[in-house]
Amino acid sequence: MQGSKYRTIVFYENYFTSFFAKLNEKTKDKIIWTFRLIEMQARVPVDVLKHMEGTNGLYEIRVQHGGDQFRIFCFFDEGKLVVLANGFQKKTQKTPRKEIERALKIKAAYEQSKKDSNPQ
């Protein structure tokens, strides 16, 4: 994965980092590898980055490590910036609604903070 970046991943507040800190090293390595793939590939496979149906611009980064599945919600800002929201370990087939709602609240807070810092 050499060459220029197609996207840049950024953290908003500490939602993702507090989740990440609790993970073991091998899981962290897999997540970092996945982030690099998202940054460096022109076309990211849908099994890695998927739009959440029924949401306005919320995406799910999918990481599988061993028998465990992890999900990290994110959204785009100006097309090239991937803003990370919350992450969690997936334990059921269906993504928990409360995690989606939390990610949407984080996205709304991020968008509001941008408006507040860039008054027109």
PDB file of N, CA and C in Angstrom:
ATOM      1  N   MET A   1       0.835  -1.189   0.000  1.00  0.00           N
ATOM      2  CA  MET A   1       0.000   0.000   0.000  1.00  0.00           C
ATOM      3  C   MET A   1       0.879   1.251   0.000  1.00  0.00           C
ATOM      4  N   GLN A   2       1.609   1.455  -1.055  1.00  0.00           N
ATOM      5  CA  GLN A   2       2.473   2.617  -1.202  1.00  0.00           C
ATOM      6  C   GLN A   2       1.722   3.707  -1.945  1.00  0.00           C
ATOM      7  N   GLY A   3       2.278   4.905  -1.918  1.00  0.00           N
ATOM      8  CA  GLY A   3       1.712   5.971  -2.722  1.00  0.00           C
ATOM      9  C   GLY A   3       0.958   6.993  -1.897  1.00  0.00           C
ATOM     10  N   SER A   4       0.145   7.782  -2.603  1.00  0.00           N
ATOM     11  CA  SER A   4      -0.541   8.879  -1.938  1.00  0.00           C
ATOM     12  C   SER A   4      -1.806   8.394  -1.244  1.00  0.00           C
ATOM     13  N   LYS A   5      -2.199   9.163  -0.262  1.00  0.00           N
ATOM     14  CA  LYS A   5      -3.414   8.852   0.483  1.00  0.00           C
ATOM     15  C   LYS A   5      -4.630   9.335  -0.291  1.00  0.00           C
ATOM     16  N   TYR A   6      -5.677   8.536  -0.241  1.00  0.00           N
ATOM     17  CA  TYR A   6      -6.957   8.942  -0.812  1.00  0.00           C
ATOM     18  C   TYR A   6      -7.840   9.588   0.248  1.00  0.00           C
ATOM     19  N   ARG A   7      -7.602   9.217   1.494  1.00  0.00           N
ATOM     20  CA  ARG A   7      -8.385   9.714   2.616  1.00  0.00           C
ATOM     21  C   ARG A   7      -7.476   9.879   3.822  1.00  0.00           C
ATOM     22  N   THR A   8      -7.926  10.662   4.775  1.00  0.00           N
ATOM     23  CA  THR A   8      -7.223  10.815   6.048  1.00  0.00           C
ATOM     24  C   THR A   8      -8.209  10.516   7.167  1.00  0.00           C
ATOM     25  N   ILE A   9      -7.799   9.678   8.092  1.00  0.00           N
ATOM     26  CA  ILE A   9      -8.649   9.332   9.236  1.00  0.00           C
ATOM     27  C   ILE A   9      -8.288  10.241  10.405  1.00  0.00           C
ATOM     28  N   VAL A  10      -9.312  10.827  11.007  1.00  0.00           N
ATOM     29  CA  VAL A  10      -9.103  11.694  12.172  1.00  0.00           C
ATOM     30  C   VAL A  10     -10.030  11.237  13.302  1.00  0.00           C
ATOM     31  N   PHE A  11      -9.640  11.589  14.510  1.00  0.00           N
ATOM     32  CA  PHE A  11     -10.438  11.271  15.694  1.00  0.00           C
ATOM     33  C   PHE A  11     -11.197  12.526  16.109  1.00  0.00           C
ATOM     34  N   TYR A  12     -12.447  12.357  16.466  1.00  0.00           N
ATOM     35  CA  TYR A  12     -13.223  13.473  17.014  1.00  0.00           C
ATOM     36  C   TYR A  12     -13.434  13.212  18.496  1.00  0.00           C
ATOM     37  N   GLU A  13     -13.028  14.179  19.313  1.00  0.00           N
ATOM     38  CA  GLU A  13     -13.084  14.039  20.773  1.00  0.00           C
ATOM     39  C   GLU A  13     -12.356  12.749  21.166  1.00  0.00           C
ATOM     40  N   ASN A  14     -12.853  12.031  22.177  1.00  0.00           N
ATOM     41  CA  ASN A  14     -12.167  10.804  22.599  1.00  0.00           C
ATOM     42  C   ASN A  14     -13.072   9.582  22.504  1.00  0.00           C
ATOM     43  N   TYR A  15     -14.116   9.655  21.684  1.00  0.00           N
ATOM     44  CA  TYR A  15     -15.068   8.541  21.583  1.00  0.00           C
ATOM     45  C   TYR A  15     -14.381   7.260  21.113  1.00  0.00           C
ATOM     46  N   PHE A  16     -13.632   7.365  20.035  1.00  0.00           N
ATOM     47  CA  PHE A  16     -12.957   6.176  19.515  1.00  0.00           C
ATOM     48  C   PHE A  16     -11.773   5.784  20.386  1.00  0.00           C
ATOM     49  N   THR A  17     -10.959   6.751  20.792  1.00  0.00           N
ATOM     50  CA  THR A  17      -9.728   6.422  21.512  1.00  0.00           C
ATOM     51  C   THR A  17     -10.002   5.728  22.851  1.00  0.00           C
ATOM     52  N   SER A  18     -11.092   6.082  23.517  1.00  0.00           N
ATOM     53  CA  SER A  18     -11.393   5.406  24.787  1.00  0.00           C
ATOM     54  C   SER A  18     -11.777   3.944  24.547  1.00  0.00           C
ATOM     55  N   PHE A  19     -12.450   3.659  23.434  1.00  0.00           N
ATOM     56  CA  PHE A  19     -12.763   2.274  23.049  1.00  0.00           C
ATOM     57  C   PHE A  19     -11.475   1.535  22.682  1.00  0.00           C
ATOM     58  N   PHE A  20     -10.640   2.165  21.864  1.00  0.00           N
ATOM     59  CA  PHE A  20      -9.406   1.566  21.352  1.00  0.00           C
ATOM     60  C   PHE A  20      -8.453   1.199  22.485  1.00  0.00           C
ATOM     61  N   ALA A  21      -8.385   2.045  23.495  1.00  0.00           N
ATOM     62  CA  ALA A  21      -7.451   1.836  24.616  1.00  0.00           C
ATOM     63  C   ALA A  21      -7.724   0.531  25.355  1.00  0.00           C
ATOM     64  N   LYS A  22      -8.948   0.050  25.331  1.00  0.00           N
ATOM     65  CA  LYS A  22      -9.328  -1.156  26.082  1.00  0.00           C
ATOM     66  C   LYS A  22      -9.014  -2.455  25.333  1.00  0.00           C
ATOM     67  N   LEU A  23      -8.610  -2.360  24.069  1.00  0.00           N
ATOM     68  CA  LEU A  23      -8.406  -3.546  23.243  1.00  0.00           C
ATOM     69  C   LEU A  23      -7.008  -4.137  23.434  1.00  0.00           C
ATOM     70  N   ASN A  24      -6.864  -5.434  23.094  1.00  0.00           N
ATOM     71  CA  ASN A  24      -5.535  -6.038  23.166  1.00  0.00           C
ATOM     72  C   ASN A  24      -4.691  -5.601  21.960  1.00  0.00           C
ATOM     73  N   GLU A  25      -3.385  -5.823  22.048  1.00  0.00           N
ATOM     74  CA  GLU A  25      -2.456  -5.328  21.023  1.00  0.00           C
ATOM     75  C   GLU A  25      -2.739  -5.887  19.632  1.00  0.00           C
ATOM     76  N   LYS A  26      -3.045  -7.175  19.530  1.00  0.00           N
ATOM     77  CA  LYS A  26      -3.286  -7.773  18.212  1.00  0.00           C
ATOM     78  C   LYS A  26      -4.537  -7.177  17.557  1.00  0.00           C
ATOM     79  N   THR A  27      -5.564  -6.924  18.348  1.00  0.00           N
ATOM     80  CA  THR A  27      -6.778  -6.288  17.820  1.00  0.00           C
ATOM     81  C   THR A  27      -6.472  -4.854  17.388  1.00  0.00           C
ATOM     82  N   LYS A  28      -5.703  -4.136  18.187  1.00  0.00           N
ATOM     83  CA  LYS A  28      -5.303  -2.767  17.819  1.00  0.00           C
ATOM     84  C   LYS A  28      -4.538  -2.783  16.496  1.00  0.00           C
ATOM     85  N   ASP A  29      -3.612  -3.732  16.347  1.00  0.00           N
ATOM     86  CA  ASP A  29      -2.834  -3.838  15.099  1.00  0.00           C
ATOM     87  C   ASP A  29      -3.753  -4.046  13.904  1.00  0.00           C
ATOM     88  N   LYS A  30      -4.753  -4.900  14.054  1.00  0.00           N
ATOM     89  CA  LYS A  30      -5.689  -5.188  12.952  1.00  0.00           C
ATOM     90  C   LYS A  30      -6.500  -3.939  12.604  1.00  0.00           C
ATOM     91  N   ILE A  31      -6.914  -3.193  13.613  1.00  0.00           N
ATOM     92  CA  ILE A  31      -7.669  -1.955  13.378  1.00  0.00           C
ATOM     93  C   ILE A  31      -6.790  -0.930  12.660  1.00  0.00           C
ATOM     94  N   ILE A  32      -5.551  -0.777  13.094  1.00  0.00           N
ATOM     95  CA  ILE A  32      -4.631   0.166  12.437  1.00  0.00           C
ATOM     96  C   ILE A  32      -4.383  -0.254  10.989  1.00  0.00           C
ATOM     97  N   TRP A  33      -4.218  -1.553  10.755  1.00  0.00           N
ATOM     98  CA  TRP A  33      -4.042  -2.060   9.388  1.00  0.00           C
ATOM     99  C   TRP A  33      -5.267  -1.699   8.535  1.00  0.00           C
ATOM    100  N   THR A  34      -6.450  -1.861   9.102  1.00  0.00           N
ATOM    101  CA  THR A  34      -7.694  -1.542   8.394  1.00  0.00           C
ATOM    102  C   THR A  34      -7.766  -0.045   8.081  1.00  0.00           C
ATOM    103  N   PHE A  35      -7.365   0.795   9.027  1.00  0.00           N
ATOM    104  CA  PHE A  35      -7.355   2.243   8.790  1.00  0.00           C
ATOM    105  C   PHE A  35      -6.421   2.594   7.634  1.00  0.00           C
ATOM    106  N   ARG A  36      -5.255   1.961   7.592  1.00  0.00           N
ATOM    107  CA  ARG A  36      -4.304   2.227   6.493  1.00  0.00           C
ATOM    108  C   ARG A  36      -4.908   1.830   5.147  1.00  0.00           C
ATOM    109  N   LEU A  37      -5.607   0.702   5.130  1.00  0.00           N
ATOM    110  CA  LEU A  37      -6.279   0.254   3.901  1.00  0.00           C
ATOM    111  C   LEU A  37      -7.283   1.316   3.443  1.00  0.00           C
ATOM    112  N   ILE A  38      -8.072   1.835   4.368  1.00  0.00           N
ATOM    113  CA  ILE A  38      -9.074   2.852   4.036  1.00  0.00           C
ATOM    114  C   ILE A  38      -8.402   4.120   3.513  1.00  0.00           C
ATOM    115  N   GLU A  39      -7.280   4.482   4.102  1.00  0.00           N
ATOM    116  CA  GLU A  39      -6.582   5.694   3.659  1.00  0.00           C
ATOM    117  C   GLU A  39      -5.920   5.531   2.296  1.00  0.00           C
ATOM    118  N   MET A  40      -5.393   4.335   2.006  1.00  0.00           N
ATOM    119  CA  MET A  40      -4.529   4.158   0.835  1.00  0.00           C
ATOM    120  C   MET A  40      -5.214   3.575  -0.406  1.00  0.00           C
ATOM    121  N   GLN A  41      -6.380   2.963  -0.254  1.00  0.00           N
ATOM    122  CA  GLN A  41      -7.046   2.343  -1.400  1.00  0.00           C
ATOM    123  C   GLN A  41      -8.057   3.297  -2.029  1.00  0.00           C
ATOM    124  N   ALA A  42      -8.017   3.403  -3.356  1.00  0.00           N
ATOM    125  CA  ALA A  42      -8.981   4.255  -4.045  1.00  0.00           C
ATOM    126  C   ALA A  42     -10.401   3.727  -3.832  1.00  0.00           C
ATOM    127  N   ARG A  43     -10.558   2.422  -3.943  1.00  0.00           N
ATOM    128  CA  ARG A  43     -11.866   1.789  -3.745  1.00  0.00           C
ATOM    129  C   ARG A  43     -11.759   0.836  -2.560  1.00  0.00           C
ATOM    130  N   VAL A  44     -12.453   1.196  -1.495  1.00  0.00           N
ATOM    131  CA  VAL A  44     -12.411   0.378  -0.277  1.00  0.00           C
ATOM    132  C   VAL A  44     -13.490  -0.694  -0.382  1.00  0.00           C
ATOM    133  N   PRO A  45     -13.134  -1.962  -0.160  1.00  0.00           N
ATOM    134  CA  PRO A  45     -14.141  -3.033  -0.249  1.00  0.00           C
ATOM    135  C   PRO A  45     -15.293  -2.806   0.729  1.00  0.00           C
ATOM    136  N   VAL A  46     -16.503  -3.160   0.291  1.00  0.00           N
ATOM    137  CA  VAL A  46     -17.700  -2.946   1.109  1.00  0.00           C
ATOM    138  C   VAL A  46     -17.684  -3.790   2.387  1.00  0.00           C
ATOM    139  N   ASP A  47     -16.907  -4.864   2.409  1.00  0.00           N
ATOM    140  CA  ASP A  47     -16.831  -5.640   3.654  1.00  0.00           C
ATOM    141  C   ASP A  47     -15.914  -4.970   4.683  1.00  0.00           C
ATOM    142  N   VAL A  48     -15.255  -3.880   4.296  1.00  0.00           N
ATOM    143  CA  VAL A  48     -14.404  -3.119   5.216  1.00  0.00           C
ATOM    144  C   VAL A  48     -15.077  -1.807   5.619  1.00  0.00           C
ATOM    145  N   LEU A  49     -15.688  -1.128   4.659  1.00  0.00           N
ATOM    146  CA  LEU A  49     -16.330   0.174   4.905  1.00  0.00           C
ATOM    147  C   LEU A  49     -17.685   0.166   4.219  1.00  0.00           C
ATOM    148  N   LYS A  50     -18.741   0.270   5.014  1.00  0.00           N
ATOM    149  CA  LYS A  50     -20.089   0.124   4.465  1.00  0.00           C
ATOM    150  C   LYS A  50     -20.985   1.243   4.962  1.00  0.00           C
ATOM    151  N   HIS A  51     -21.764   1.820   4.043  1.00  0.00           N
ATOM    152  CA  HIS A  51     -22.740   2.843   4.421  1.00  0.00           C
ATOM    153  C   HIS A  51     -23.851   2.197   5.237  1.00  0.00           C
ATOM    154  N   MET A  52     -24.253   2.831   6.297  1.00  0.00           N
ATOM    155  CA  MET A  52     -25.346   2.326   7.132  1.00  0.00           C
ATOM    156  C   MET A  52     -26.665   2.771   6.510  1.00  0.00           C
ATOM    157  N   GLU A  53     -27.422   1.805   6.030  1.00  0.00           N
ATOM    158  CA  GLU A  53     -28.704   2.120   5.389  1.00  0.00           C
ATOM    159  C   GLU A  53     -29.603   2.863   6.359  1.00  0.00           C
ATOM    160  N   GLY A  54     -30.361   3.807   5.807  1.00  0.00           N
ATOM    161  CA  GLY A  54     -31.299   4.559   6.619  1.00  0.00           C
ATOM    162  C   GLY A  54     -30.666   5.677   7.426  1.00  0.00           C
ATOM    163  N   THR A  55     -29.363   5.960   7.184  1.00  0.00           N
ATOM    164  CA  THR A  55     -28.712   7.069   7.892  1.00  0.00           C
ATOM    165  C   THR A  55     -28.227   8.083   6.872  1.00  0.00           C
ATOM    166  N   ASN A  56     -27.997   9.273   7.338  1.00  0.00           N
ATOM    167  CA  ASN A  56     -27.505  10.338   6.473  1.00  0.00           C
ATOM    168  C   ASN A  56     -25.987  10.415   6.596  1.00  0.00           C
ATOM    169  N   GLY A  57     -25.295   9.560   5.841  1.00  0.00           N
ATOM    170  CA  GLY A  57     -23.841   9.649   5.771  1.00  0.00           C
ATOM    171  C   GLY A  57     -23.063   8.942   6.863  1.00  0.00           C
ATOM    172  N   LEU A  58     -23.691   8.008   7.569  1.00  0.00           N
ATOM    173  CA  LEU A  58     -22.975   7.250   8.591  1.00  0.00           C
ATOM    174  C   LEU A  58     -22.436   5.965   7.967  1.00  0.00           C
ATOM    175  N   TYR A  59     -21.173   5.669   8.244  1.00  0.00           N
ATOM    176  CA  TYR A  59     -20.526   4.466   7.718  1.00  0.00           C
ATOM    177  C   TYR A  59     -20.037   3.608   8.868  1.00  0.00           C
ATOM    178  N   GLU A  60     -19.838   2.336   8.553  1.00  0.00           N
ATOM    179  CA  GLU A  60     -19.378   1.363   9.526  1.00  0.00           C
ATOM    180  C   GLU A  60     -18.079   0.756   9.003  1.00  0.00           C
ATOM    181  N   ILE A  61     -17.009   0.880   9.796  1.00  0.00           N
ATOM    182  CA  ILE A  61     -15.754   0.206   9.485  1.00  0.00           C
ATOM    183  C   ILE A  61     -15.838  -1.153  10.165  1.00  0.00           C
ATOM    184  N   ARG A  62     -15.606  -2.203   9.385  1.00  0.00           N
ATOM    185  CA  ARG A  62     -15.748  -3.562   9.898  1.00  0.00           C
ATOM    186  C   ARG A  62     -14.379  -4.202  10.064  1.00  0.00           C
ATOM    187  N   VAL A  63     -14.102  -4.661  11.281  1.00  0.00           N
ATOM    188  CA  VAL A  63     -12.822  -5.299  11.574  1.00  0.00           C
ATOM    189  C   VAL A  63     -13.114  -6.648  12.212  1.00  0.00           C
ATOM    190  N   GLN A  64     -12.516  -7.679  11.642  1.00  0.00           N
ATOM    191  CA  GLN A  64     -12.662  -9.012  12.204  1.00  0.00           C
ATOM    192  C   GLN A  64     -11.283  -9.475  12.656  1.00  0.00           C
ATOM    193  N   HIS A  65     -11.222  -9.954  13.883  1.00  0.00           N
ATOM    194  CA  HIS A  65      -9.947 -10.447  14.402  1.00  0.00           C
ATOM    195  C   HIS A  65     -10.230 -11.717  15.182  1.00  0.00           C
ATOM    196  N   GLY A  66      -9.703 -12.818  14.708  1.00  0.00           N
ATOM    197  CA  GLY A  66     -10.027 -14.107  15.325  1.00  0.00           C
ATOM    198  C   GLY A  66     -11.519 -14.334  15.157  1.00  0.00           C
ATOM    199  N   GLY A  67     -12.176 -14.706  16.207  1.00  0.00           N
ATOM    200  CA  GLY A  67     -13.623 -14.901  16.144  1.00  0.00           C
ATOM    201  C   GLY A  67     -14.396 -13.660  16.521  1.00  0.00           C
ATOM    202  N   ASP A  68     -13.692 -12.565  16.802  1.00  0.00           N
ATOM    203  CA  ASP A  68     -14.351 -11.342  17.259  1.00  0.00           C
ATOM    204  C   ASP A  68     -14.589 -10.384  16.104  1.00  0.00           C
ATOM    205  N   GLN A  69     -15.706  -9.657  16.209  1.00  0.00           N
ATOM    206  CA  GLN A  69     -16.014  -8.634  15.218  1.00  0.00           C
ATOM    207  C   GLN A  69     -16.133  -7.294  15.926  1.00  0.00           C
ATOM    208  N   PHE A  70     -15.516  -6.294  15.312  1.00  0.00           N
ATOM    209  CA  PHE A  70     -15.551  -4.949  15.865  1.00  0.00           C
ATOM    210  C   PHE A  70     -16.126  -4.020  14.812  1.00  0.00           C
ATOM    211  N   ARG A  71     -16.834  -3.007  15.280  1.00  0.00           N
ATOM    212  CA  ARG A  71     -17.405  -2.009  14.388  1.00  0.00           C
ATOM    213  C   ARG A  71     -16.997  -0.636  14.888  1.00  0.00           C
ATOM    214  N   ILE A  72     -16.627   0.212  13.932  1.00  0.00           N
ATOM    215  CA  ILE A  72     -16.273   1.586  14.244  1.00  0.00           C
ATOM    216  C   ILE A  72     -17.095   2.465  13.313  1.00  0.00           C
ATOM    217  N   PHE A  73     -17.908   3.307  13.892  1.00  0.00           N
ATOM    218  CA  PHE A  73     -18.709   4.209  13.070  1.00  0.00           C
ATOM    219  C   PHE A  73     -17.880   5.416  12.678  1.00  0.00           C
ATOM    220  N   CYS A  74     -18.135   5.904  11.473  1.00  0.00           N
ATOM    221  CA  CYS A  74     -17.423   7.070  10.979  1.00  0.00           C
ATOM    222  C   CYS A  74     -18.296   7.790   9.965  1.00  0.00           C
ATOM    223  N   PHE A  75     -17.827   8.955   9.553  1.00  0.00           N
ATOM    224  CA  PHE A  75     -18.523   9.726   8.526  1.00  0.00           C
ATOM    225  C   PHE A  75     -17.470  10.557   7.802  1.00  0.00           C
ATOM    226  N   PHE A  76     -17.835  11.036   6.637  1.00  0.00           N
ATOM    227  CA  PHE A  76     -16.903  11.814   5.819  1.00  0.00           C
ATOM    228  C   PHE A  76     -17.120  13.301   6.038  1.00  0.00           C
ATOM    229  N   ASP A  77     -16.031  14.033   5.950  1.00  0.00           N
ATOM    230  CA  ASP A  77     -16.080  15.488   5.993  1.00  0.00           C
ATOM    231  C   ASP A  77     -15.300  15.976   4.779  1.00  0.00           C
ATOM    232  N   GLU A  78     -15.959  16.702   3.919  1.00  0.00           N
ATOM    233  CA  GLU A  78     -15.342  17.218   2.689  1.00  0.00           C
ATOM    234  C   GLU A  78     -14.758  16.109   1.826  1.00  0.00           C
ATOM    235  N   GLY A  79     -15.365  14.934   1.897  1.00  0.00           N
ATOM    236  CA  GLY A  79     -15.025  13.849   0.984  1.00  0.00           C
ATOM    237  C   GLY A  79     -13.775  13.052   1.288  1.00  0.00           C
ATOM    238  N   LYS A  80     -12.733  13.692   1.807  1.00  0.00           N
ATOM    239  CA  LYS A  80     -11.449  13.010   1.982  1.00  0.00           C
ATOM    240  C   LYS A  80     -11.102  12.740   3.439  1.00  0.00           C
ATOM    241  N   LEU A  81     -11.837  13.355   4.343  1.00  0.00           N
ATOM    242  CA  LEU A  81     -11.548  13.214   5.763  1.00  0.00           C
ATOM    243  C   LEU A  81     -12.534  12.217   6.356  1.00  0.00           C
ATOM    244  N   VAL A  82     -12.017  11.169   6.966  1.00  0.00           N
ATOM    245  CA  VAL A  82     -12.871  10.174   7.612  1.00  0.00           C
ATOM    246  C   VAL A  82     -12.810  10.450   9.110  1.00  0.00           C
ATOM    247  N   VAL A  83     -13.945  10.833   9.676  1.00  0.00           N
ATOM    248  CA  VAL A  83     -14.011  11.195  11.091  1.00  0.00           C
ATOM    249  C   VAL A  83     -14.548  10.001  11.865  1.00  0.00           C
ATOM    250  N   LEU A  84     -13.763   9.521  12.828  1.00  0.00           N
ATOM    251  CA  LEU A  84     -14.176   8.366  13.619  1.00  0.00           C
ATOM    252  C   LEU A  84     -15.101   8.798  14.741  1.00  0.00           C
ATOM    253  N   ALA A  85     -16.148   8.012  14.934  1.00  0.00           N
ATOM    254  CA  ALA A  85     -17.073   8.245  16.046  1.00  0.00           C
ATOM    255  C   ALA A  85     -16.820   7.140  17.072  1.00  0.00           C
ATOM    256  N   ASN A  86     -17.833   6.408  17.449  1.00  0.00           N
ATOM    257  CA  ASN A  86     -17.690   5.360  18.469  1.00  0.00           C
ATOM    258  C   ASN A  86     -17.345   4.008  17.859  1.00  0.00           C
ATOM    259  N   GLY A  87     -16.820   3.137  18.694  1.00  0.00           N
ATOM    260  CA  GLY A  87     -16.518   1.768  18.304  1.00  0.00           C
ATOM    261  C   GLY A  87     -17.066   0.819  19.340  1.00  0.00           C
ATOM    262  N   PHE A  88     -17.287  -0.426  18.947  1.00  0.00           N
ATOM    263  CA  PHE A  88     -17.782  -1.432  19.885  1.00  0.00           C
ATOM    264  C   PHE A  88     -17.487  -2.821  19.345  1.00  0.00           C
ATOM    265  N   GLN A  89     -17.539  -3.796  20.234  1.00  0.00           N
ATOM    266  CA  GLN A  89     -17.400  -5.193  19.811  1.00  0.00           C
ATOM    267  C   GLN A  89     -18.794  -5.704  19.510  1.00  0.00           C
ATOM    268  N   LYS A  90     -18.933  -6.270  18.316  1.00  0.00           N
ATOM    269  CA  LYS A  90     -20.244  -6.748  17.875  1.00  0.00           C
ATOM    270  C   LYS A  90     -20.461  -8.161  18.419  1.00  0.00           C
ATOM    271  N   LYS A  91     -21.571  -8.337  19.121  1.00  0.00           N
ATOM    272  CA  LYS A  91     -21.851  -9.626  19.742  1.00  0.00           C
ATOM    273  C   LYS A  91     -23.092 -10.296  19.160  1.00  0.00           C
ATOM    274  N   THR A  92     -23.857  -9.555  18.367  1.00  0.00           N
ATOM    275  CA  THR A  92     -25.080 -10.108  17.768  1.00  0.00           C
ATOM    276  C   THR A  92     -25.047  -9.876  16.268  1.00  0.00           C
ATOM    277  N   GLN A  93     -25.957 -10.520  15.564  1.00  0.00           N
ATOM    278  CA  GLN A  93     -26.027 -10.392  14.110  1.00  0.00           C
ATOM    279  C   GLN A  93     -26.355  -8.949  13.701  1.00  0.00           C
ATOM    280  N   LYS A  94     -27.269  -8.342  14.426  1.00  0.00           N
ATOM    281  CA  LYS A  94     -27.748  -7.009  14.077  1.00  0.00           C
ATOM    282  C   LYS A  94     -26.982  -5.956  14.876  1.00  0.00           C
ATOM    283  N   THR A  95     -26.621  -4.861  14.212  1.00  0.00           N
ATOM    284  CA  THR A  95     -25.939  -3.763  14.900  1.00  0.00           C
ATOM    285  C   THR A  95     -26.903  -3.121  15.889  1.00  0.00           C
ATOM    286  N   PRO A  96     -26.494  -2.989  17.158  1.00  0.00           N
ATOM    287  CA  PRO A  96     -27.399  -2.401  18.154  1.00  0.00           C
ATOM    288  C   PRO A  96     -27.811  -0.976  17.803  1.00  0.00           C
ATOM    289  N   ARG A  97     -29.104  -0.725  17.879  1.00  0.00           N
ATOM    290  CA  ARG A  97     -29.657   0.594  17.537  1.00  0.00           C
ATOM    291  C   ARG A  97     -29.018   1.693  18.395  1.00  0.00           C
ATOM    292  N   LYS A  98     -28.762   1.386  19.673  1.00  0.00           N
ATOM    293  CA  LYS A  98     -28.203   2.424  20.557  1.00  0.00           C
ATOM    294  C   LYS A  98     -26.813   2.861  20.096  1.00  0.00           C
ATOM    295  N   GLU A  99     -26.044   1.950  19.490  1.00  0.00           N
ATOM    296  CA  GLU A  99     -24.721   2.314  18.982  1.00  0.00           C
ATOM    297  C   GLU A  99     -24.853   3.220  17.753  1.00  0.00           C
ATOM    298  N   ILE A 100     -25.826   2.922  16.899  1.00  0.00           N
ATOM    299  CA  ILE A 100     -26.072   3.768  15.719  1.00  0.00           C
ATOM    300  C   ILE A 100     -26.518   5.154  16.170  1.00  0.00           C
ATOM    301  N   GLU A 101     -27.440   5.203  17.133  1.00  0.00           N
ATOM    302  CA  GLU A 101     -27.926   6.495  17.619  1.00  0.00           C
ATOM    303  C   GLU A 101     -26.808   7.301  18.260  1.00  0.00           C
ATOM    304  N   ARG A 102     -25.925   6.611  18.995  1.00  0.00           N
ATOM    305  CA  ARG A 102     -24.780   7.296  19.603  1.00  0.00           C
ATOM    306  C   ARG A 102     -23.887   7.899  18.520  1.00  0.00           C
ATOM    307  N   ALA A 103     -23.624   7.127  17.464  1.00  0.00           N
ATOM    308  CA  ALA A 103     -22.781   7.617  16.366  1.00  0.00           C
ATOM    309  C   ALA A 103     -23.424   8.820  15.675  1.00  0.00           C
ATOM    310  N   LEU A 104     -24.731   8.778  15.493  1.00  0.00           N
ATOM    311  CA  LEU A 104     -25.427   9.903  14.856  1.00  0.00           C
ATOM    312  C   LEU A 104     -25.353  11.159  15.730  1.00  0.00           C
ATOM    313  N   LYS A 105     -25.415  10.988  17.047  1.00  0.00           N
ATOM    314  CA  LYS A 105     -25.272  12.138  17.966  1.00  0.00           C
ATOM    315  C   LYS A 105     -23.866  12.713  17.881  1.00  0.00           C
ATOM    316  N   ILE A 106     -22.862  11.843  17.788  1.00  0.00           N
ATOM    317  CA  ILE A 106     -21.471  12.295  17.665  1.00  0.00           C
ATOM    318  C   ILE A 106     -21.297  13.070  16.354  1.00  0.00           C
ATOM    319  N   LYS A 107     -21.879  12.537  15.280  1.00  0.00           N
ATOM    320  CA  LYS A 107     -21.802  13.198  13.970  1.00  0.00           C
ATOM    321  C   LYS A 107     -22.451  14.583  14.033  1.00  0.00           C
ATOM    322  N   ALA A 108     -23.619  14.680  14.669  1.00  0.00           N
ATOM    323  CA  ALA A 108     -24.315  15.963  14.797  1.00  0.00           C
ATOM    324  C   ALA A 108     -23.486  16.948  15.626  1.00  0.00           C
ATOM    325  N   ALA A 109     -22.859  16.468  16.704  1.00  0.00           N
ATOM    326  CA  ALA A 109     -22.016  17.330  17.543  1.00  0.00           C
ATOM    327  C   ALA A 109     -20.811  17.830  16.752  1.00  0.00           C
ATOM    328  N   TYR A 110     -20.211  16.952  15.954  1.00  0.00           N
ATOM    329  CA  TYR A 110     -19.068  17.330  15.123  1.00  0.00           C
ATOM    330  C   TYR A 110     -19.478  18.422  14.129  1.00  0.00           C
ATOM    331  N   GLU A 111     -20.599  18.203  13.451  1.00  0.00           N
ATOM    332  CA  GLU A 111     -21.068  19.181  12.461  1.00  0.00           C
ATOM    333  C   GLU A 111     -21.395  20.514  13.123  1.00  0.00           C
ATOM    334  N   GLN A 112     -21.983  20.478  14.319  1.00  0.00           N
ATOM    335  CA  GLN A 112     -22.299  21.708  15.042  1.00  0.00           C
ATOM    336  C   GLN A 112     -21.020  22.422  15.461  1.00  0.00           C
ATOM    337  N   SER A 113     -20.013  21.671  15.901  1.00  0.00           N
ATOM    338  CA  SER A 113     -18.756  22.301  16.320  1.00  0.00           C
ATOM    339  C   SER A 113     -18.060  22.974  15.140  1.00  0.00           C
ATOM    340  N   LYS A 114     -18.200  22.401  13.943  1.00  0.00           N
ATOM    341  CA  LYS A 114     -17.624  23.037  12.747  1.00  0.00           C
ATOM    342  C   LYS A 114     -18.344  24.331  12.422  1.00  0.00           C
ATOM    343  N   LYS A 115     -19.681  24.321  12.551  1.00  0.00           N
ATOM    344  CA  LYS A 115     -20.455  25.547  12.296  1.00  0.00           C
ATOM    345  C   LYS A 115     -20.071  26.626  13.298  1.00  0.00           C
ATOM    346  N   ASP A 116     -19.930  26.228  14.567  1.00  0.00           N
ATOM    347  CA  ASP A 116     -19.614  27.192  15.617  1.00  0.00           C
ATOM    348  C   ASP A 116     -18.231  27.826  15.409  1.00  0.00           C
ATOM    349  N   SER A 117     -17.287  27.046  14.853  1.00  0.00           N
ATOM    350  CA  SER A 117     -15.932  27.563  14.665  1.00  0.00           C
ATOM    351  C   SER A 117     -15.763  28.284  13.330  1.00  0.00           C
ATOM    352  N   ASN A 118     -16.747  28.150  12.425  1.00  0.00           N
ATOM    353  CA  ASN A 118     -16.694  28.812  11.106  1.00  0.00           C
ATOM    354  C   ASN A 118     -17.988  29.578  10.852  1.00  0.00           C
ATOM    355  N   PRO A 119     -18.283  30.613  11.638  1.00  0.00           N
ATOM    356  CA  PRO A 119     -19.532  31.329  11.382  1.00  0.00           C
ATOM    357  C   PRO A 119     -19.476  32.032  10.023  1.00  0.00           C
ATOM    358  N   GLN A 120     -20.555  31.962   9.292  1.00  0.00           N
ATOM    359  CA  GLN A 120     -20.598  32.543   7.939  1.00  0.00           C
ATOM    360  C   GLN A 120     -20.882  34.025   7.991  1.00  0.00           C
TER     361      GLN A 120
END
